[in-house]
Amino acid sequence: MVQNAKTERISKLTDLLREAKSIVLNDFTGLNVKDISELRKVCRKNGVTFTVVKNTLARKSFDELGIEGLDPMLDGPTAIAISTVDEVTPAQVIKKFVDDYELPKLKGGYVSGRVISDAEVVRLAALPGREVLLAQVVGTLQAPIRDFVGVLSANLRNLAGVLNAIAEKKKETA
């Protein structure tokens, strides 16, 4: 019975990790139940799954998925923040919570097939979100087109101004 429950938990965690775009590991020691509940609420609001895991079960899930290099981070109490939407959000949510509460302690993470340290998680959190980056790309792509349209319309405005001046001059002489 106990073995079946563990197998089921490993299976659920593995399925969740398989869909993950990024994983942030942290040590929640020192957070009380109210703070953890608040962290979970903030994570849910941002589309991040925050779950406390047993290290042995996490190791088995990581091994099953072929994720290597996270074993040194699986020491002591471990919680995992997982996003299936974008790579930056879990790091941003956990980092903001760390800034506000000084806990949990970041351990590291896994993003785009690469293990990252706690310092890299902090740098990742400093990046703008996906929507902001997409808006910046669109703005960058749009700028030359907008400038080109401005140049073309300036020529038309100049032509209209010249034609208007000619018409005014003809009115004066007539």
C-alpha atoms as a PDB file:
ATOM      1  CA  MET A   1       0.000   0.000   0.000  1.00  0.00           C
ATOM      2  CA  VAL A   2       2.756   2.463   0.977  1.00  0.00           C
ATOM      3  CA  GLN A   3       4.804   1.507  -2.095  1.00  0.00           C
ATOM      4  CA  ASN A   4       1.791   2.177  -4.358  1.00  0.00           C
ATOM      5  CA  ALA A   5       1.298   5.615  -2.804  1.00  0.00           C
ATOM      6  CA  LYS A   6       4.971   6.487  -3.342  1.00  0.00           C
ATOM      7  CA  THR A   7       4.863   5.213  -6.918  1.00  0.00           C
ATOM      8  CA  GLU A   8       1.784   7.323  -7.577  1.00  0.00           C
ATOM      9  CA  ARG A   9       3.422  10.438  -6.076  1.00  0.00           C
ATOM     10  CA  ILE A  10       6.557   9.871  -8.176  1.00  0.00           C
ATOM     11  CA  SER A  11       4.379   9.446 -11.266  1.00  0.00           C
ATOM     12  CA  LYS A  12       2.467  12.694 -10.585  1.00  0.00           C
ATOM     13  CA  LEU A  13       5.675  14.616  -9.935  1.00  0.00           C
ATOM     14  CA  THR A  14       7.317  13.149 -13.037  1.00  0.00           C
ATOM     15  CA  ASP A  15       4.330  14.142 -15.200  1.00  0.00           C
ATOM     16  CA  LEU A  16       4.446  17.671 -13.788  1.00  0.00           C
ATOM     17  CA  LEU A  17       8.209  17.956 -14.297  1.00  0.00           C
ATOM     18  CA  ARG A  18       7.970  16.577 -17.841  1.00  0.00           C
ATOM     19  CA  GLU A  19       5.822  19.579 -18.855  1.00  0.00           C
ATOM     20  CA  ALA A  20       7.968  22.104 -16.953  1.00  0.00           C
ATOM     21  CA  LYS A  21       9.736  24.937 -18.738  1.00  0.00           C
ATOM     22  CA  SER A  22      11.585  25.814 -15.536  1.00  0.00           C
ATOM     23  CA  ILE A  23      12.105  24.403 -12.060  1.00  0.00           C
ATOM     24  CA  VAL A  24      13.299  26.348  -9.010  1.00  0.00           C
ATOM     25  CA  LEU A  25      14.382  24.391  -5.935  1.00  0.00           C
ATOM     26  CA  ASN A  26      14.272  26.051  -2.545  1.00  0.00           C
ATOM     27  CA  ASP A  27      14.571  25.325   1.165  1.00  0.00           C
ATOM     28  CA  PHE A  28      11.459  26.492   2.996  1.00  0.00           C
ATOM     29  CA  THR A  29      12.911  26.002   6.503  1.00  0.00           C
ATOM     30  CA  GLY A  30      11.811  28.844   8.749  1.00  0.00           C
ATOM     31  CA  LEU A  31       8.564  29.595   6.937  1.00  0.00           C
ATOM     32  CA  ASN A  32       5.479  29.020   9.027  1.00  0.00           C
ATOM     33  CA  VAL A  33       2.266  27.538   7.637  1.00  0.00           C
ATOM     34  CA  LYS A  34       0.775  30.994   7.022  1.00  0.00           C
ATOM     35  CA  ASP A  35       3.804  32.100   4.988  1.00  0.00           C
ATOM     36  CA  ILE A  36       3.887  28.881   2.958  1.00  0.00           C
ATOM     37  CA  SER A  37       0.168  29.269   2.261  1.00  0.00           C
ATOM     38  CA  GLU A  38       0.789  32.836   1.105  1.00  0.00           C
ATOM     39  CA  LEU A  39       3.643  31.670  -1.126  1.00  0.00           C
ATOM     40  CA  ARG A  40       1.437  28.964  -2.646  1.00  0.00           C
ATOM     41  CA  LYS A  41      -1.297  31.537  -3.248  1.00  0.00           C
ATOM     42  CA  VAL A  42       1.133  33.900  -5.018  1.00  0.00           C
ATOM     43  CA  CYS A  43       2.496  31.009  -7.066  1.00  0.00           C
ATOM     44  CA  ARG A  44      -0.991  29.871  -8.133  1.00  0.00           C
ATOM     45  CA  LYS A  45      -1.888  33.429  -9.097  1.00  0.00           C
ATOM     46  CA  ASN A  46       1.160  33.501 -11.399  1.00  0.00           C
ATOM     47  CA  GLY A  47       0.613  30.045 -12.901  1.00  0.00           C
ATOM     48  CA  VAL A  48       3.399  28.402 -10.904  1.00  0.00           C
ATOM     49  CA  THR A  49       2.996  25.096  -9.070  1.00  0.00           C
ATOM     50  CA  PHE A  50       4.663  25.131  -5.644  1.00  0.00           C
ATOM     51  CA  THR A  51       5.007  21.753  -4.009  1.00  0.00           C
ATOM     52  CA  VAL A  52       6.970  20.345  -1.091  1.00  0.00           C
ATOM     53  CA  VAL A  53       8.664  17.073  -2.044  1.00  0.00           C
ATOM     54  CA  LYS A  54      10.658  14.344  -0.409  1.00  0.00           C
ATOM     55  CA  ASN A  55      14.188  14.355  -1.757  1.00  0.00           C
ATOM     56  CA  THR A  56      14.171  10.636  -2.573  1.00  0.00           C
ATOM     57  CA  LEU A  57      10.973  10.980  -4.597  1.00  0.00           C
ATOM     58  CA  ALA A  58      12.337  14.030  -6.402  1.00  0.00           C
ATOM     59  CA  ARG A  59      15.562  12.152  -7.215  1.00  0.00           C
ATOM     60  CA  LYS A  60      13.575   9.275  -8.694  1.00  0.00           C
ATOM     61  CA  SER A  61      11.494  11.677 -10.801  1.00  0.00           C
ATOM     62  CA  PHE A  62      14.592  13.517 -12.016  1.00  0.00           C
ATOM     63  CA  ASP A  63      16.304  10.205 -12.820  1.00  0.00           C
ATOM     64  CA  GLU A  64      13.248   8.986 -14.715  1.00  0.00           C
ATOM     65  CA  LEU A  65      13.314  12.156 -16.836  1.00  0.00           C
ATOM     66  CA  GLY A  66      17.085  12.040 -17.327  1.00  0.00           C
ATOM     67  CA  ILE A  67      17.635  15.314 -15.464  1.00  0.00           C
ATOM     68  CA  GLU A  68      21.121  15.225 -13.985  1.00  0.00           C
ATOM     69  CA  GLY A  69      22.985  17.604 -11.716  1.00  0.00           C
ATOM     70  CA  LEU A  70      20.243  18.434  -9.219  1.00  0.00           C
ATOM     71  CA  ASP A  71      21.237  15.792  -6.632  1.00  0.00           C
ATOM     72  CA  PRO A  72      23.502  18.160  -4.648  1.00  0.00           C
ATOM     73  CA  MET A  73      20.545  20.536  -4.263  1.00  0.00           C
ATOM     74  CA  LEU A  74      18.324  17.802  -2.835  1.00  0.00           C
ATOM     75  CA  ASP A  75      19.607  18.127   0.694  1.00  0.00           C
ATOM     76  CA  GLY A  76      17.368  19.145   3.573  1.00  0.00           C
ATOM     77  CA  PRO A  77      13.751  20.254   3.204  1.00  0.00           C
ATOM     78  CA  THR A  78      12.963  20.894  -0.457  1.00  0.00           C
ATOM     79  CA  ALA A  79      10.134  22.621  -2.263  1.00  0.00           C
ATOM     80  CA  ILE A  80       9.877  22.950  -6.010  1.00  0.00           C
ATOM     81  CA  ALA A  81       8.359  25.820  -7.970  1.00  0.00           C
ATOM     82  CA  ILE A  82       7.419  24.698 -11.474  1.00  0.00           C
ATOM     83  CA  SER A  83       6.130  26.628 -14.461  1.00  0.00           C
ATOM     84  CA  THR A  84       4.777  25.050 -17.608  1.00  0.00           C
ATOM     85  CA  VAL A  85       4.176  28.470 -19.175  1.00  0.00           C
ATOM     86  CA  ASP A  86       7.506  30.313 -19.175  1.00  0.00           C
ATOM     87  CA  GLU A  87      11.040  30.051 -17.899  1.00  0.00           C
ATOM     88  CA  VAL A  88      11.233  33.221 -15.814  1.00  0.00           C
ATOM     89  CA  THR A  89       8.071  33.296 -13.681  1.00  0.00           C
ATOM     90  CA  PRO A  90       9.021  30.765 -10.950  1.00  0.00           C
ATOM     91  CA  ALA A  91      12.338  32.523 -10.361  1.00  0.00           C
ATOM     92  CA  GLN A  92      10.604  35.916 -10.211  1.00  0.00           C
ATOM     93  CA  VAL A  93       7.879  34.757  -7.817  1.00  0.00           C
ATOM     94  CA  ILE A  94      10.276  32.994  -5.427  1.00  0.00           C
ATOM     95  CA  LYS A  95      12.830  35.841  -5.585  1.00  0.00           C
ATOM     96  CA  LYS A  96      10.141  38.439  -4.781  1.00  0.00           C
ATOM     97  CA  PHE A  97       8.989  36.312  -1.858  1.00  0.00           C
ATOM     98  CA  VAL A  98      12.603  35.991  -0.660  1.00  0.00           C
ATOM     99  CA  ASP A  99      12.972  39.776  -0.876  1.00  0.00           C
ATOM    100  CA  ASP A 100       9.788  40.301   1.162  1.00  0.00           C
ATOM    101  CA  TYR A 101      10.212  37.538   3.770  1.00  0.00           C
ATOM    102  CA  GLU A 102      13.953  36.715   3.577  1.00  0.00           C
ATOM    103  CA  LEU A 103      12.890  33.083   3.088  1.00  0.00           C
ATOM    104  CA  PRO A 104      12.809  30.525   1.442  1.00  0.00           C
ATOM    105  CA  LYS A 105      16.468  29.930   0.652  1.00  0.00           C
ATOM    106  CA  LEU A 106      17.126  29.378  -3.023  1.00  0.00           C
ATOM    107  CA  LYS A 107      18.979  26.172  -3.884  1.00  0.00           C
ATOM    108  CA  GLY A 108      19.076  26.380  -7.676  1.00  0.00           C
ATOM    109  CA  GLY A 109      17.045  25.216 -10.587  1.00  0.00           C
ATOM    110  CA  TYR A 110      16.707  23.688 -14.007  1.00  0.00           C
ATOM    111  CA  VAL A 111      15.887  25.763 -17.087  1.00  0.00           C
ATOM    112  CA  SER A 112      15.996  24.814 -20.768  1.00  0.00           C
ATOM    113  CA  GLY A 113      17.876  21.594 -20.131  1.00  0.00           C
ATOM    114  CA  ARG A 114      20.500  23.220 -17.931  1.00  0.00           C
ATOM    115  CA  VAL A 115      21.093  23.140 -14.181  1.00  0.00           C
ATOM    116  CA  ILE A 116      21.456  26.633 -12.723  1.00  0.00           C
ATOM    117  CA  SER A 117      22.833  27.782  -9.374  1.00  0.00           C
ATOM    118  CA  ASP A 118      21.032  29.936  -6.821  1.00  0.00           C
ATOM    119  CA  ALA A 119      22.897  33.016  -8.127  1.00  0.00           C
ATOM    120  CA  GLU A 120      21.723  32.236 -11.652  1.00  0.00           C
ATOM    121  CA  VAL A 121      18.139  31.920 -10.371  1.00  0.00           C
ATOM    122  CA  VAL A 122      18.476  35.462  -8.992  1.00  0.00           C
ATOM    123  CA  ARG A 123      19.784  36.698 -12.367  1.00  0.00           C
ATOM    124  CA  LEU A 124      16.969  34.871 -14.148  1.00  0.00           C
ATOM    125  CA  ALA A 125      14.453  36.595 -11.866  1.00  0.00           C
ATOM    126  CA  ALA A 126      15.844  39.973 -12.948  1.00  0.00           C
ATOM    127  CA  LEU A 127      14.843  39.321 -16.559  1.00  0.00           C
ATOM    128  CA  PRO A 128      11.572  40.801 -17.768  1.00  0.00           C
ATOM    129  CA  GLY A 129       8.679  38.415 -18.269  1.00  0.00           C
ATOM    130  CA  ARG A 130       7.753  36.769 -21.551  1.00  0.00           C
ATOM    131  CA  GLU A 131       5.079  39.335 -22.418  1.00  0.00           C
ATOM    132  CA  VAL A 132       7.460  42.247 -21.826  1.00  0.00           C
ATOM    133  CA  LEU A 133      10.175  40.641 -23.961  1.00  0.00           C
ATOM    134  CA  LEU A 134       7.689  39.961 -26.768  1.00  0.00           C
ATOM    135  CA  ALA A 135       6.487  43.577 -26.601  1.00  0.00           C
ATOM    136  CA  GLN A 136      10.080  44.792 -26.827  1.00  0.00           C
ATOM    137  CA  VAL A 137      10.733  42.584 -29.867  1.00  0.00           C
ATOM    138  CA  VAL A 138       7.563  43.794 -31.585  1.00  0.00           C
ATOM    139  CA  GLY A 139       8.471  47.410 -30.816  1.00  0.00           C
ATOM    140  CA  THR A 140      11.955  46.883 -32.203  1.00  0.00           C
ATOM    141  CA  LEU A 141      10.606  45.289 -35.372  1.00  0.00           C
ATOM    142  CA  GLN A 142       7.940  47.955 -35.747  1.00  0.00           C
ATOM    143  CA  ALA A 143      10.278  50.964 -35.440  1.00  0.00           C
ATOM    144  CA  PRO A 144      11.865  50.801 -38.937  1.00  0.00           C
ATOM    145  CA  ILE A 145       8.459  50.317 -40.557  1.00  0.00           C
ATOM    146  CA  ARG A 146       7.025  53.262 -38.605  1.00  0.00           C
ATOM    147  CA  ASP A 147      10.003  55.425 -39.614  1.00  0.00           C
ATOM    148  CA  PHE A 148       9.629  54.384 -43.272  1.00  0.00           C
ATOM    149  CA  VAL A 149       5.941  55.312 -43.240  1.00  0.00           C
ATOM    150  CA  GLY A 150       6.893  58.649 -41.660  1.00  0.00           C
ATOM    151  CA  VAL A 151       9.393  59.344 -44.452  1.00  0.00           C
ATOM    152  CA  LEU A 152       6.853  58.478 -47.135  1.00  0.00           C
ATOM    153  CA  SER A 153       4.155  60.584 -45.545  1.00  0.00           C
ATOM    154  CA  ALA A 154       6.598  63.495 -45.166  1.00  0.00           C
ATOM    155  CA  ASN A 155       7.143  63.485 -48.947  1.00  0.00           C
ATOM    156  CA  LEU A 156       3.378  63.507 -49.499  1.00  0.00           C
ATOM    157  CA  ARG A 157       2.977  66.353 -46.984  1.00  0.00           C
ATOM    158  CA  ASN A 158       5.735  68.313 -48.730  1.00  0.00           C
ATOM    159  CA  LEU A 159       4.088  67.738 -52.130  1.00  0.00           C
ATOM    160  CA  ALA A 160       0.742  68.868 -50.747  1.00  0.00           C
ATOM    161  CA  GLY A 161       2.404  71.959 -49.286  1.00  0.00           C
ATOM    162  CA  VAL A 162       4.050  72.829 -52.613  1.00  0.00           C
ATOM    163  CA  LEU A 163       0.773  72.340 -54.518  1.00  0.00           C
ATOM    164  CA  ASN A 164      -1.040  74.477 -51.960  1.00  0.00           C
ATOM    165  CA  ALA A 165       1.592  77.233 -52.307  1.00  0.00           C
ATOM    166  CA  ILE A 166       1.255  77.130 -56.101  1.00  0.00           C
ATOM    167  CA  ALA A 167      -2.540  77.363 -55.788  1.00  0.00           C
ATOM    168  CA  GLU A 168      -2.224  80.330 -53.416  1.00  0.00           C
ATOM    169  CA  LYS A 169       0.196  82.088 -55.737  1.00  0.00           C
ATOM    170  CA  LYS A 170      -2.159  81.604 -58.697  1.00  0.00           C
ATOM    171  CA  LYS A 171      -5.021  83.076 -56.631  1.00  0.00           C
ATOM    172  CA  GLU A 172      -2.913  86.143 -55.856  1.00  0.00           C
ATOM    173  CA  THR A 173      -1.922  86.722 -59.468  1.00  0.00           C
ATOM    174  CA  ALA A 174      -5.398  86.133 -60.825  1.00  0.00           C
END
